[in-house]
Amino acid sequence: MNKKSITELEKIFKVLGNRQRLTILALLQERSYTVSEIVAQLDMEQSAVSHQLKVLREAQLVTTQRQGRLVLYCLSDSHILILLDNALKHVDHVFHNDQEKYEIKFEKKG
């Protein structure tokens, strides 16, 4: 692995090292969401969701799609799902516990 690759990996892992961003990524595994829908699903303020989505977009983990006046956020590609799944499997392997215990989950409001 060269220095450039290590630097790029470091950036991605820094972005992934945040509970709010991981929670948003977990939600986006289901389908595309607007900012308002993410706020309604997660216990986060609108400004925090917008900020975390900006960070995820800059890292190219999340992309947007326009539907009329709506902006939908979605995972940029299947590599993110694979990365998260492999990380969970690693946690399971290291700690010899059930993977379900470590699944990224969120609680819906209401």
PDB file of N, CA and C in Angstrom:
ATOM      1  N   MET A   1       0.850  -1.172   0.000  1.00  0.00           N
ATOM      2  CA  MET A   1       0.000   0.000   0.000  1.00  0.00           C
ATOM      3  C   MET A   1       0.895   1.234   0.000  1.00  0.00           C
ATOM      4  N   ASN A   2       0.578   2.183  -0.851  1.00  0.00           N
ATOM      5  CA  ASN A   2       1.408   3.382  -0.915  1.00  0.00           C
ATOM      6  C   ASN A   2       0.886   4.475   0.035  1.00  0.00           C
ATOM      7  N   LYS A   3       1.674   5.535   0.177  1.00  0.00           N
ATOM      8  CA  LYS A   3       1.334   6.608   1.116  1.00  0.00           C
ATOM      9  C   LYS A   3       0.013   7.283   0.764  1.00  0.00           C
ATOM     10  N   LYS A   4      -0.229   7.474  -0.528  1.00  0.00           N
ATOM     11  CA  LYS A   4      -1.472   8.121  -0.945  1.00  0.00           C
ATOM     12  C   LYS A   4      -2.680   7.280  -0.536  1.00  0.00           C
ATOM     13  N   SER A   5      -2.600   5.978  -0.739  1.00  0.00           N
ATOM     14  CA  SER A   5      -3.696   5.084  -0.354  1.00  0.00           C
ATOM     15  C   SER A   5      -3.931   5.116   1.146  1.00  0.00           C
ATOM     16  N   ILE A   6      -2.855   5.132   1.911  1.00  0.00           N
ATOM     17  CA  ILE A   6      -2.974   5.180   3.370  1.00  0.00           C
ATOM     18  C   ILE A   6      -3.638   6.481   3.801  1.00  0.00           C
ATOM     19  N   THR A   7      -3.252   7.583   3.181  1.00  0.00           N
ATOM     20  CA  THR A   7      -3.852   8.878   3.502  1.00  0.00           C
ATOM     21  C   THR A   7      -5.342   8.883   3.175  1.00  0.00           C
ATOM     22  N   GLU A   8      -5.712   8.314   2.035  1.00  0.00           N
ATOM     23  CA  GLU A   8      -7.119   8.252   1.643  1.00  0.00           C
ATOM     24  C   GLU A   8      -7.915   7.356   2.585  1.00  0.00           C
ATOM     25  N   LEU A   9      -7.335   6.224   2.979  1.00  0.00           N
ATOM     26  CA  LEU A   9      -7.991   5.345   3.951  1.00  0.00           C
ATOM     27  C   LEU A   9      -8.178   6.044   5.292  1.00  0.00           C
ATOM     28  N   GLU A  10      -7.174   6.776   5.702  1.00  0.00           N
ATOM     29  CA  GLU A  10      -7.250   7.513   6.957  1.00  0.00           C
ATOM     30  C   GLU A  10      -8.435   8.473   6.941  1.00  0.00           C
ATOM     31  N   LYS A  11      -8.627   9.173   5.838  1.00  0.00           N
ATOM     32  CA  LYS A  11      -9.747  10.113   5.717  1.00  0.00           C
ATOM     33  C   LYS A  11     -11.087   9.393   5.846  1.00  0.00           C
ATOM     34  N   ILE A  12     -11.221   8.259   5.157  1.00  0.00           N
ATOM     35  CA  ILE A  12     -12.477   7.503   5.209  1.00  0.00           C
ATOM     36  C   ILE A  12     -12.748   6.997   6.620  1.00  0.00           C
ATOM     37  N   PHE A  13     -11.727   6.430   7.273  1.00  0.00           N
ATOM     38  CA  PHE A  13     -11.935   5.897   8.612  1.00  0.00           C
ATOM     39  C   PHE A  13     -12.216   6.997   9.632  1.00  0.00           C
ATOM     40  N   LYS A  14     -11.678   8.185   9.426  1.00  0.00           N
ATOM     41  CA  LYS A  14     -12.017   9.312  10.298  1.00  0.00           C
ATOM     42  C   LYS A  14     -13.492   9.666  10.149  1.00  0.00           C
ATOM     43  N   VAL A  15     -13.968   9.665   8.925  1.00  0.00           N
ATOM     44  CA  VAL A  15     -15.384   9.959   8.687  1.00  0.00           C
ATOM     45  C   VAL A  15     -16.255   8.877   9.324  1.00  0.00           C
ATOM     46  N   LEU A  16     -15.853   7.630   9.200  1.00  0.00           N
ATOM     47  CA  LEU A  16     -16.630   6.522   9.757  1.00  0.00           C
ATOM     48  C   LEU A  16     -16.528   6.429  11.277  1.00  0.00           C
ATOM     49  N   GLY A  17     -15.591   7.130  11.867  1.00  0.00           N
ATOM     50  CA  GLY A  17     -15.390   7.072  13.309  1.00  0.00           C
ATOM     51  C   GLY A  17     -16.294   8.008  14.088  1.00  0.00           C
ATOM     52  N   ASN A  18     -17.525   8.168  13.637  1.00  0.00           N
ATOM     53  CA  ASN A  18     -18.472   9.068  14.280  1.00  0.00           C
ATOM     54  C   ASN A  18     -19.819   8.367  14.371  1.00  0.00           C
ATOM     55  N   ARG A  19     -20.362   8.291  15.571  1.00  0.00           N
ATOM     56  CA  ARG A  19     -21.619   7.569  15.807  1.00  0.00           C
ATOM     57  C   ARG A  19     -22.773   8.126  14.968  1.00  0.00           C
ATOM     58  N   GLN A  20     -22.890   9.448  14.880  1.00  0.00           N
ATOM     59  CA  GLN A  20     -23.990  10.038  14.111  1.00  0.00           C
ATOM     60  C   GLN A  20     -23.889   9.663  12.636  1.00  0.00           C
ATOM     61  N   ARG A  21     -22.692   9.715  12.090  1.00  0.00           N
ATOM     62  CA  ARG A  21     -22.527   9.367  10.678  1.00  0.00           C
ATOM     63  C   ARG A  21     -22.794   7.881  10.439  1.00  0.00           C
ATOM     64  N   LEU A  22     -22.342   7.026  11.348  1.00  0.00           N
ATOM     65  CA  LEU A  22     -22.621   5.593  11.212  1.00  0.00           C
ATOM     66  C   LEU A  22     -24.121   5.326  11.290  1.00  0.00           C
ATOM     67  N   THR A  23     -24.808   6.039  12.160  1.00  0.00           N
ATOM     68  CA  THR A  23     -26.254   5.878  12.295  1.00  0.00           C
ATOM     69  C   THR A  23     -26.967   6.299  11.014  1.00  0.00           C
ATOM     70  N   ILE A  24     -26.538   7.389  10.423  1.00  0.00           N
ATOM     71  CA  ILE A  24     -27.125   7.835   9.155  1.00  0.00           C
ATOM     72  C   ILE A  24     -26.855   6.803   8.063  1.00  0.00           C
ATOM     73  N   LEU A  25     -25.645   6.290   7.989  1.00  0.00           N
ATOM     74  CA  LEU A  25     -25.326   5.265   6.985  1.00  0.00           C
ATOM     75  C   LEU A  25     -26.181   4.019   7.179  1.00  0.00           C
ATOM     76  N   ALA A  26     -26.406   3.643   8.440  1.00  0.00           N
ATOM     77  CA  ALA A  26     -27.251   2.481   8.723  1.00  0.00           C
ATOM     78  C   ALA A  26     -28.669   2.718   8.209  1.00  0.00           C
ATOM     79  N   LEU A  27     -29.189   3.908   8.423  1.00  0.00           N
ATOM     80  CA  LEU A  27     -30.529   4.239   7.941  1.00  0.00           C
ATOM     81  C   LEU A  27     -30.579   4.212   6.415  1.00  0.00           C
ATOM     82  N   LEU A  28     -29.570   4.747   5.778  1.00  0.00           N
ATOM     83  CA  LEU A  28     -29.551   4.825   4.313  1.00  0.00           C
ATOM     84  C   LEU A  28     -29.370   3.464   3.644  1.00  0.00           C
ATOM     85  N   GLN A  29     -29.082   2.425   4.430  1.00  0.00           N
ATOM     86  CA  GLN A  29     -29.034   1.070   3.869  1.00  0.00           C
ATOM     87  C   GLN A  29     -30.414   0.652   3.375  1.00  0.00           C
ATOM     88  N   GLU A  30     -31.458   1.197   4.009  1.00  0.00           N
ATOM     89  CA  GLU A  30     -32.837   0.819   3.688  1.00  0.00           C
ATOM     90  C   GLU A  30     -33.308   1.399   2.363  1.00  0.00           C
ATOM     91  N   ARG A  31     -33.091   2.717   2.204  1.00  0.00           N
ATOM     92  CA  ARG A  31     -33.575   3.434   1.025  1.00  0.00           C
ATOM     93  C   ARG A  31     -33.017   4.847   1.062  1.00  0.00           C
ATOM     94  N   SER A  32     -33.397   5.661   0.092  1.00  0.00           N
ATOM     95  CA  SER A  32     -33.005   7.068   0.072  1.00  0.00           C
ATOM     96  C   SER A  32     -33.932   7.865   0.990  1.00  0.00           C
ATOM     97  N   TYR A  33     -33.376   8.906   1.612  1.00  0.00           N
ATOM     98  CA  TYR A  33     -34.140   9.748   2.535  1.00  0.00           C
ATOM     99  C   TYR A  33     -33.836  11.217   2.276  1.00  0.00           C
ATOM    100  N   THR A  34     -34.812  12.076   2.573  1.00  0.00           N
ATOM    101  CA  THR A  34     -34.563  13.513   2.617  1.00  0.00           C
ATOM    102  C   THR A  34     -34.004  13.848   3.996  1.00  0.00           C
ATOM    103  N   VAL A  35     -33.457  15.042   4.145  1.00  0.00           N
ATOM    104  CA  VAL A  35     -32.962  15.473   5.457  1.00  0.00           C
ATOM    105  C   VAL A  35     -34.096  15.423   6.475  1.00  0.00           C
ATOM    106  N   SER A  36     -35.267  15.920   6.104  1.00  0.00           N
ATOM    107  CA  SER A  36     -36.416  15.931   7.025  1.00  0.00           C
ATOM    108  C   SER A  36     -36.798  14.525   7.465  1.00  0.00           C
ATOM    109  N   GLU A  37     -36.744  13.574   6.547  1.00  0.00           N
ATOM    110  CA  GLU A  37     -37.067  12.188   6.895  1.00  0.00           C
ATOM    111  C   GLU A  37     -36.027  11.604   7.844  1.00  0.00           C
ATOM    112  N   ILE A  38     -34.767  11.931   7.626  1.00  0.00           N
ATOM    113  CA  ILE A  38     -33.707  11.446   8.522  1.00  0.00           C
ATOM    114  C   ILE A  38     -33.910  12.029   9.915  1.00  0.00           C
ATOM    115  N   VAL A  39     -34.201  13.319   9.991  1.00  0.00           N
ATOM    116  CA  VAL A  39     -34.459  13.973  11.283  1.00  0.00           C
ATOM    117  C   VAL A  39     -35.627  13.289  11.988  1.00  0.00           C
ATOM    118  N   ALA A  40     -36.692  12.970  11.242  1.00  0.00           N
ATOM    119  CA  ALA A  40     -37.869  12.328  11.826  1.00  0.00           C
ATOM    120  C   ALA A  40     -37.561  10.919  12.333  1.00  0.00           C
ATOM    121  N   GLN A  41     -36.632  10.223  11.685  1.00  0.00           N
ATOM    122  CA  GLN A  41     -36.293   8.849  12.066  1.00  0.00           C
ATOM    123  C   GLN A  41     -35.291   8.764  13.208  1.00  0.00           C
ATOM    124  N   LEU A  42     -34.394   9.733  13.282  1.00  0.00           N
ATOM    125  CA  LEU A  42     -33.298   9.674  14.246  1.00  0.00           C
ATOM    126  C   LEU A  42     -33.432  10.782  15.281  1.00  0.00           C
ATOM    127  N   ASP A  43     -32.863  10.583  16.408  1.00  0.00           N
ATOM    128  CA  ASP A  43     -32.905  11.578  17.481  1.00  0.00           C
ATOM    129  C   ASP A  43     -31.770  12.580  17.283  1.00  0.00           C
ATOM    130  N   MET A  44     -31.873  13.357  16.203  1.00  0.00           N
ATOM    131  CA  MET A  44     -30.840  14.333  15.861  1.00  0.00           C
ATOM    132  C   MET A  44     -31.504  15.618  15.399  1.00  0.00           C
ATOM    133  N   GLU A  45     -30.840  16.717  15.617  1.00  0.00           N
ATOM    134  CA  GLU A  45     -31.319  18.009  15.135  1.00  0.00           C
ATOM    135  C   GLU A  45     -31.074  18.121  13.630  1.00  0.00           C
ATOM    136  N   GLN A  46     -31.883  18.937  12.973  1.00  0.00           N
ATOM    137  CA  GLN A  46     -31.756  19.129  11.530  1.00  0.00           C
ATOM    138  C   GLN A  46     -30.377  19.646  11.154  1.00  0.00           C
ATOM    139  N   SER A  47     -29.859  20.576  11.934  1.00  0.00           N
ATOM    140  CA  SER A  47     -28.537  21.135  11.624  1.00  0.00           C
ATOM    141  C   SER A  47     -27.442  20.075  11.742  1.00  0.00           C
ATOM    142  N   ALA A  48     -27.571  19.184  12.721  1.00  0.00           N
ATOM    143  CA  ALA A  48     -26.584  18.108  12.894  1.00  0.00           C
ATOM    144  C   ALA A  48     -26.659  17.120  11.736  1.00  0.00           C
ATOM    145  N   VAL A  49     -27.871  16.774  11.324  1.00  0.00           N
ATOM    146  CA  VAL A  49     -28.043  15.858  10.197  1.00  0.00           C
ATOM    147  C   VAL A  49     -27.440  16.464   8.934  1.00  0.00           C
ATOM    148  N   SER A  50     -27.749  17.729   8.680  1.00  0.00           N
ATOM    149  CA  SER A  50     -27.209  18.401   7.491  1.00  0.00           C
ATOM    150  C   SER A  50     -25.687  18.434   7.512  1.00  0.00           C
ATOM    151  N   HIS A  51     -25.120  18.726   8.673  1.00  0.00           N
ATOM    152  CA  HIS A  51     -23.657  18.766   8.786  1.00  0.00           C
ATOM    153  C   HIS A  51     -23.049  17.391   8.519  1.00  0.00           C
ATOM    154  N   GLN A  52     -23.617  16.361   9.139  1.00  0.00           N
ATOM    155  CA  GLN A  52     -23.061  15.013   8.971  1.00  0.00           C
ATOM    156  C   GLN A  52     -23.225  14.529   7.531  1.00  0.00           C
ATOM    157  N   LEU A  53     -24.327  14.878   6.887  1.00  0.00           N
ATOM    158  CA  LEU A  53     -24.505  14.516   5.480  1.00  0.00           C
ATOM    159  C   LEU A  53     -23.480  15.217   4.598  1.00  0.00           C
ATOM    160  N   LYS A  54     -23.152  16.450   4.929  1.00  0.00           N
ATOM    161  CA  LYS A  54     -22.126  17.179   4.175  1.00  0.00           C
ATOM    162  C   LYS A  54     -20.784  16.457   4.280  1.00  0.00           C
ATOM    163  N   VAL A  55     -20.434  16.035   5.492  1.00  0.00           N
ATOM    164  CA  VAL A  55     -19.173  15.310   5.701  1.00  0.00           C
ATOM    165  C   VAL A  55     -19.187  13.995   4.913  1.00  0.00           C
ATOM    166  N   LEU A  56     -20.300  13.282   4.960  1.00  0.00           N
ATOM    167  CA  LEU A  56     -20.417  12.015   4.234  1.00  0.00           C
ATOM    168  C   LEU A  56     -20.347  12.224   2.718  1.00  0.00           C
ATOM    169  N   ARG A  57     -20.935  13.302   2.240  1.00  0.00           N
ATOM    170  CA  ARG A  57     -20.854  13.617   0.802  1.00  0.00           C
ATOM    171  C   ARG A  57     -19.426  13.945   0.395  1.00  0.00           C
ATOM    172  N   GLU A  58     -18.746  14.743   1.203  1.00  0.00           N
ATOM    173  CA  GLU A  58     -17.363  15.110   0.887  1.00  0.00           C
ATOM    174  C   GLU A  58     -16.457  13.887   0.838  1.00  0.00           C
ATOM    175  N   ALA A  59     -16.780  12.881   1.642  1.00  0.00           N
ATOM    176  CA  ALA A  59     -16.010  11.632   1.643  1.00  0.00           C
ATOM    177  C   ALA A  59     -16.494  10.666   0.556  1.00  0.00           C
ATOM    178  N   GLN A  60     -17.483  11.093  -0.199  1.00  0.00           N
ATOM    179  CA  GLN A  60     -18.072  10.306  -1.283  1.00  0.00           C
ATOM    180  C   GLN A  60     -18.683   8.996  -0.803  1.00  0.00           C
ATOM    181  N   LEU A  61     -19.180   9.004   0.429  1.00  0.00           N
ATOM    182  CA  LEU A  61     -19.887   7.846   0.965  1.00  0.00           C
ATOM    183  C   LEU A  61     -21.383   7.953   0.697  1.00  0.00           C
ATOM    184  N   VAL A  62     -21.849   9.184   0.526  1.00  0.00           N
ATOM    185  CA  VAL A  62     -23.259   9.477   0.294  1.00  0.00           C
ATOM    186  C   VAL A  62     -23.349  10.381  -0.927  1.00  0.00           C
ATOM    187  N   THR A  63     -24.400  10.202  -1.674  1.00  0.00           N
ATOM    188  CA  THR A  63     -24.654  11.062  -2.828  1.00  0.00           C
ATOM    189  C   THR A  63     -26.097  11.553  -2.768  1.00  0.00           C
ATOM    190  N   THR A  64     -26.443  12.474  -3.637  1.00  0.00           N
ATOM    191  CA  THR A  64     -27.805  13.008  -3.656  1.00  0.00           C
ATOM    192  C   THR A  64     -28.460  12.748  -5.001  1.00  0.00           C
ATOM    193  N   GLN A  65     -29.788  12.695  -4.940  1.00  0.00           N
ATOM    194  CA  GLN A  65     -30.611  12.585  -6.140  1.00  0.00           C
ATOM    195  C   GLN A  65     -31.726  13.613  -5.999  1.00  0.00           C
ATOM    196  N   ARG A  66     -32.034  14.294  -7.068  1.00  0.00           N
ATOM    197  CA  ARG A  66     -33.137  15.261  -7.051  1.00  0.00           C
ATOM    198  C   ARG A  66     -34.402  14.602  -7.571  1.00  0.00           C
ATOM    199  N   GLN A  67     -35.492  14.833  -6.841  1.00  0.00           N
ATOM    200  CA  GLN A  67     -36.825  14.436  -7.292  1.00  0.00           C
ATOM    201  C   GLN A  67     -37.696  15.674  -7.171  1.00  0.00           C
ATOM    202  N   GLY A  68     -37.779  16.409  -8.247  1.00  0.00           N
ATOM    203  CA  GLY A  68     -38.497  17.675  -8.199  1.00  0.00           C
ATOM    204  C   GLY A  68     -37.781  18.628  -7.263  1.00  0.00           C
ATOM    205  N   ARG A  69     -38.488  19.083  -6.236  1.00  0.00           N
ATOM    206  CA  ARG A  69     -37.899  20.002  -5.264  1.00  0.00           C
ATOM    207  C   ARG A  69     -37.186  19.276  -4.124  1.00  0.00           C
ATOM    208  N   LEU A  70     -37.351  17.961  -4.056  1.00  0.00           N
ATOM    209  CA  LEU A  70     -36.749  17.180  -2.975  1.00  0.00           C
ATOM    210  C   LEU A  70     -35.319  16.777  -3.311  1.00  0.00           C
ATOM    211  N   VAL A  71     -34.482  16.740  -2.280  1.00  0.00           N
ATOM    212  CA  VAL A  71     -33.126  16.208  -2.408  1.00  0.00           C
ATOM    213  C   VAL A  71     -33.068  14.949  -1.558  1.00  0.00           C
ATOM    214  N   LEU A  72     -32.831  13.823  -2.205  1.00  0.00           N
ATOM    215  CA  LEU A  72     -32.744  12.538  -1.516  1.00  0.00           C
ATOM    216  C   LEU A  72     -31.286  12.156  -1.332  1.00  0.00           C
ATOM    217  N   TYR A  73     -30.973  11.652  -0.151  1.00  0.00           N
ATOM    218  CA  TYR A  73     -29.620  11.181   0.157  1.00  0.00           C
ATOM    219  C   TYR A  73     -29.620   9.662   0.118  1.00  0.00           C
ATOM    220  N   CYS A  74     -28.567   9.098  -0.471  1.00  0.00           N
ATOM    221  CA  CYS A  74     -28.432   7.647  -0.547  1.00  0.00           C
ATOM    222  C   CYS A  74     -26.955   7.277  -0.482  1.00  0.00           C
ATOM    223  N   LEU A  75     -26.693   6.006  -0.207  1.00  0.00           N
ATOM    224  CA  LEU A  75     -25.315   5.524  -0.214  1.00  0.00           C
ATOM    225  C   LEU A  75     -24.774   5.646  -1.630  1.00  0.00           C
ATOM    226  N   SER A  76     -23.520   6.028  -1.741  1.00  0.00           N
ATOM    227  CA  SER A  76     -22.963   6.267  -3.073  1.00  0.00           C
ATOM    228  C   SER A  76     -22.806   4.983  -3.882  1.00  0.00           C
ATOM    229  N   ASP A  77     -22.517   3.853  -3.224  1.00  0.00           N
ATOM    230  CA  ASP A  77     -22.452   2.574  -3.926  1.00  0.00           C
ATOM    231  C   ASP A  77     -22.413   1.429  -2.926  1.00  0.00           C
ATOM    232  N   SER A  78     -22.416   0.210  -3.452  1.00  0.00           N
ATOM    233  CA  SER A  78     -22.487  -0.979  -2.593  1.00  0.00           C
ATOM    234  C   SER A  78     -21.212  -1.214  -1.788  1.00  0.00           C
ATOM    235  N   HIS A  79     -20.119  -0.550  -2.150  1.00  0.00           N
ATOM    236  CA  HIS A  79     -18.874  -0.732  -1.394  1.00  0.00           C
ATOM    237  C   HIS A  79     -19.036  -0.314   0.065  1.00  0.00           C
ATOM    238  N   ILE A  80     -19.865   0.677   0.322  1.00  0.00           N
ATOM    239  CA  ILE A  80     -20.073   1.142   1.692  1.00  0.00           C
ATOM    240  C   ILE A  80     -20.750   0.048   2.506  1.00  0.00           C
ATOM    241  N   LEU A  81     -21.749  -0.612   1.918  1.00  0.00           N
ATOM    242  CA  LEU A  81     -22.419  -1.717   2.610  1.00  0.00           C
ATOM    243  C   LEU A  81     -21.436  -2.837   2.926  1.00  0.00           C
ATOM    244  N   ILE A  82     -20.597  -3.158   1.963  1.00  0.00           N
ATOM    245  CA  ILE A  82     -19.607  -4.224   2.148  1.00  0.00           C
ATOM    246  C   ILE A  82     -18.610  -3.840   3.235  1.00  0.00           C
ATOM    247  N   LEU A  83     -18.166  -2.592   3.214  1.00  0.00           N
ATOM    248  CA  LEU A  83     -17.219  -2.107   4.219  1.00  0.00           C
ATOM    249  C   LEU A  83     -17.806  -2.213   5.623  1.00  0.00           C
ATOM    250  N   LEU A  84     -19.046  -1.747   5.798  1.00  0.00           N
ATOM    251  CA  LEU A  84     -19.690  -1.809   7.110  1.00  0.00           C
ATOM    252  C   LEU A  84     -19.916  -3.253   7.543  1.00  0.00           C
ATOM    253  N   ASP A  85     -20.339  -4.097   6.608  1.00  0.00           N
ATOM    254  CA  ASP A  85     -20.561  -5.505   6.923  1.00  0.00           C
ATOM    255  C   ASP A  85     -19.261  -6.182   7.350  1.00  0.00           C
ATOM    256  N   ASN A  86     -18.179  -5.917   6.640  1.00  0.00           N
ATOM    257  CA  ASN A  86     -16.885  -6.506   7.002  1.00  0.00           C
ATOM    258  C   ASN A  86     -16.392  -5.998   8.351  1.00  0.00           C
ATOM    259  N   ALA A  87     -16.637  -4.734   8.642  1.00  0.00           N
ATOM    260  CA  ALA A  87     -16.242  -4.191   9.947  1.00  0.00           C
ATOM    261  C   ALA A  87     -17.005  -4.892  11.066  1.00  0.00           C
ATOM    262  N   LEU A  88     -18.309  -5.122  10.859  1.00  0.00           N
ATOM    263  CA  LEU A  88     -19.107  -5.825  11.866  1.00  0.00           C
ATOM    264  C   LEU A  88     -18.631  -7.266  12.040  1.00  0.00           C
ATOM    265  N   LYS A  89     -18.286  -7.920  10.949  1.00  0.00           N
ATOM    266  CA  LYS A  89     -17.769  -9.292  11.030  1.00  0.00           C
ATOM    267  C   LYS A  89     -16.441  -9.324  11.776  1.00  0.00           C
ATOM    268  N   HIS A  90     -15.620  -8.320  11.570  1.00  0.00           N
ATOM    269  CA  HIS A  90     -14.344  -8.247  12.281  1.00  0.00           C
ATOM    270  C   HIS A  90     -14.581  -8.081  13.782  1.00  0.00           C
ATOM    271  N   VAL A  91     -15.487  -7.211  14.139  1.00  0.00           N
ATOM    272  CA  VAL A  91     -15.816  -7.019  15.558  1.00  0.00           C
ATOM    273  C   VAL A  91     -16.288  -8.342  16.153  1.00  0.00           C
ATOM    274  N   ASP A  92     -17.150  -9.050  15.432  1.00  0.00           N
ATOM    275  CA  ASP A  92     -17.637 -10.343  15.902  1.00  0.00           C
ATOM    276  C   ASP A  92     -16.484 -11.324  16.073  1.00  0.00           C
ATOM    277  N   HIS A  93     -15.597 -11.361  15.121  1.00  0.00           N
ATOM    278  CA  HIS A  93     -14.456 -12.275  15.180  1.00  0.00           C
ATOM    279  C   HIS A  93     -13.542 -11.949  16.360  1.00  0.00           C
ATOM    280  N   VAL A  94     -13.245 -10.685  16.541  1.00  0.00           N
ATOM    281  CA  VAL A  94     -12.317 -10.265  17.596  1.00  0.00           C
ATOM    282  C   VAL A  94     -12.890 -10.529  18.981  1.00  0.00           C
ATOM    283  N   PHE A  95     -14.156 -10.258  19.155  1.00  0.00           N
ATOM    284  CA  PHE A  95     -14.751 -10.370  20.485  1.00  0.00           C
ATOM    285  C   PHE A  95     -15.520 -11.667  20.698  1.00  0.00           C
ATOM    286  N   HIS A  96     -15.560 -12.546  19.688  1.00  0.00           N
ATOM    287  CA  HIS A  96     -16.208 -13.864  19.790  1.00  0.00           C
ATOM    288  C   HIS A  96     -17.641 -13.765  20.288  1.00  0.00           C
ATOM    289  N   ASN A  97     -18.356 -12.809  19.774  1.00  0.00           N
ATOM    290  CA  ASN A  97     -19.759 -12.639  20.135  1.00  0.00           C
ATOM    291  C   ASN A  97     -20.603 -12.704  18.880  1.00  0.00           C
ATOM    292  N   ASP A  98     -21.913 -12.673  19.073  1.00  0.00           N
ATOM    293  CA  ASP A  98     -22.825 -12.669  17.935  1.00  0.00           C
ATOM    294  C   ASP A  98     -22.741 -11.350  17.196  1.00  0.00           C
ATOM    295  N   GLN A  99     -22.727 -11.423  15.874  1.00  0.00           N
ATOM    296  CA  GLN A  99     -22.653 -10.206  15.062  1.00  0.00           C
ATOM    297  C   GLN A  99     -23.861  -9.314  15.317  1.00  0.00           C
ATOM    298  N   GLU A 100     -25.030  -9.905  15.570  1.00  0.00           N
ATOM    299  CA  GLU A 100     -26.234  -9.104  15.787  1.00  0.00           C
ATOM    300  C   GLU A 100     -26.050  -8.113  16.926  1.00  0.00           C
ATOM    301  N   LYS A 101     -25.268  -8.484  17.912  1.00  0.00           N
ATOM    302  CA  LYS A 101     -25.030  -7.602  19.048  1.00  0.00           C
ATOM    303  C   LYS A 101     -24.365  -6.304  18.603  1.00  0.00           C
ATOM    304  N   TYR A 102     -23.611  -6.359  17.525  1.00  0.00           N
ATOM    305  CA  TYR A 102     -22.844  -5.204  17.077  1.00  0.00           C
ATOM    306  C   TYR A 102     -23.443  -4.524  15.851  1.00  0.00           C
ATOM    307  N   GLU A 103     -24.608  -4.998  15.393  1.00  0.00           N
ATOM    308  CA  GLU A 103     -25.204  -4.364  14.227  1.00  0.00           C
ATOM    309  C   GLU A 103     -25.499  -2.908  14.530  1.00  0.00           C
ATOM    310  N   ILE A 104     -25.297  -2.075  13.540  1.00  0.00           N
ATOM    311  CA  ILE A 104     -25.584  -0.656  13.689  1.00  0.00           C
ATOM    312  C   ILE A 104     -27.092  -0.498  13.639  1.00  0.00           C
ATOM    313  N   LYS A 105     -27.655  -0.009  14.715  1.00  0.00           N
ATOM    314  CA  LYS A 105     -29.097   0.135  14.794  1.00  0.00           C
ATOM    315  C   LYS A 105     -29.442   1.562  15.166  1.00  0.00           C
ATOM    316  N   PHE A 106     -30.662   1.917  14.907  1.00  0.00           N
ATOM    317  CA  PHE A 106     -31.151   3.225  15.290  1.00  0.00           C
ATOM    318  C   PHE A 106     -32.566   3.042  15.802  1.00  0.00           C
ATOM    319  N   GLU A 107     -33.006   3.969  16.600  1.00  0.00           N
ATOM    320  CA  GLU A 107     -34.363   3.925  17.111  1.00  0.00           C
ATOM    321  C   GLU A 107     -35.189   4.962  16.394  1.00  0.00           C
ATOM    322  N   LYS A 108     -36.337   4.525  15.899  1.00  0.00           N
ATOM    323  CA  LYS A 108     -37.242   5.447  15.239  1.00  0.00           C
ATOM    324  C   LYS A 108     -38.009   6.229  16.292  1.00  0.00           C
ATOM    325  N   LYS A 109     -38.239   7.486  16.000  1.00  0.00           N
ATOM    326  CA  LYS A 109     -39.031   8.320  16.896  1.00  0.00           C
ATOM    327  C   LYS A 109     -40.499   7.977  16.697  1.00  0.00           C
ATOM    328  N   GLY A 110     -41.246   8.075  17.799  1.00  0.00           N
ATOM    329  CA  GLY A 110     -42.702   7.926  17.705  1.00  0.00           C
ATOM    330  C   GLY A 110     -43.127   6.558  17.691  1.00  0.00           C
TER     331      GLY A 110
END
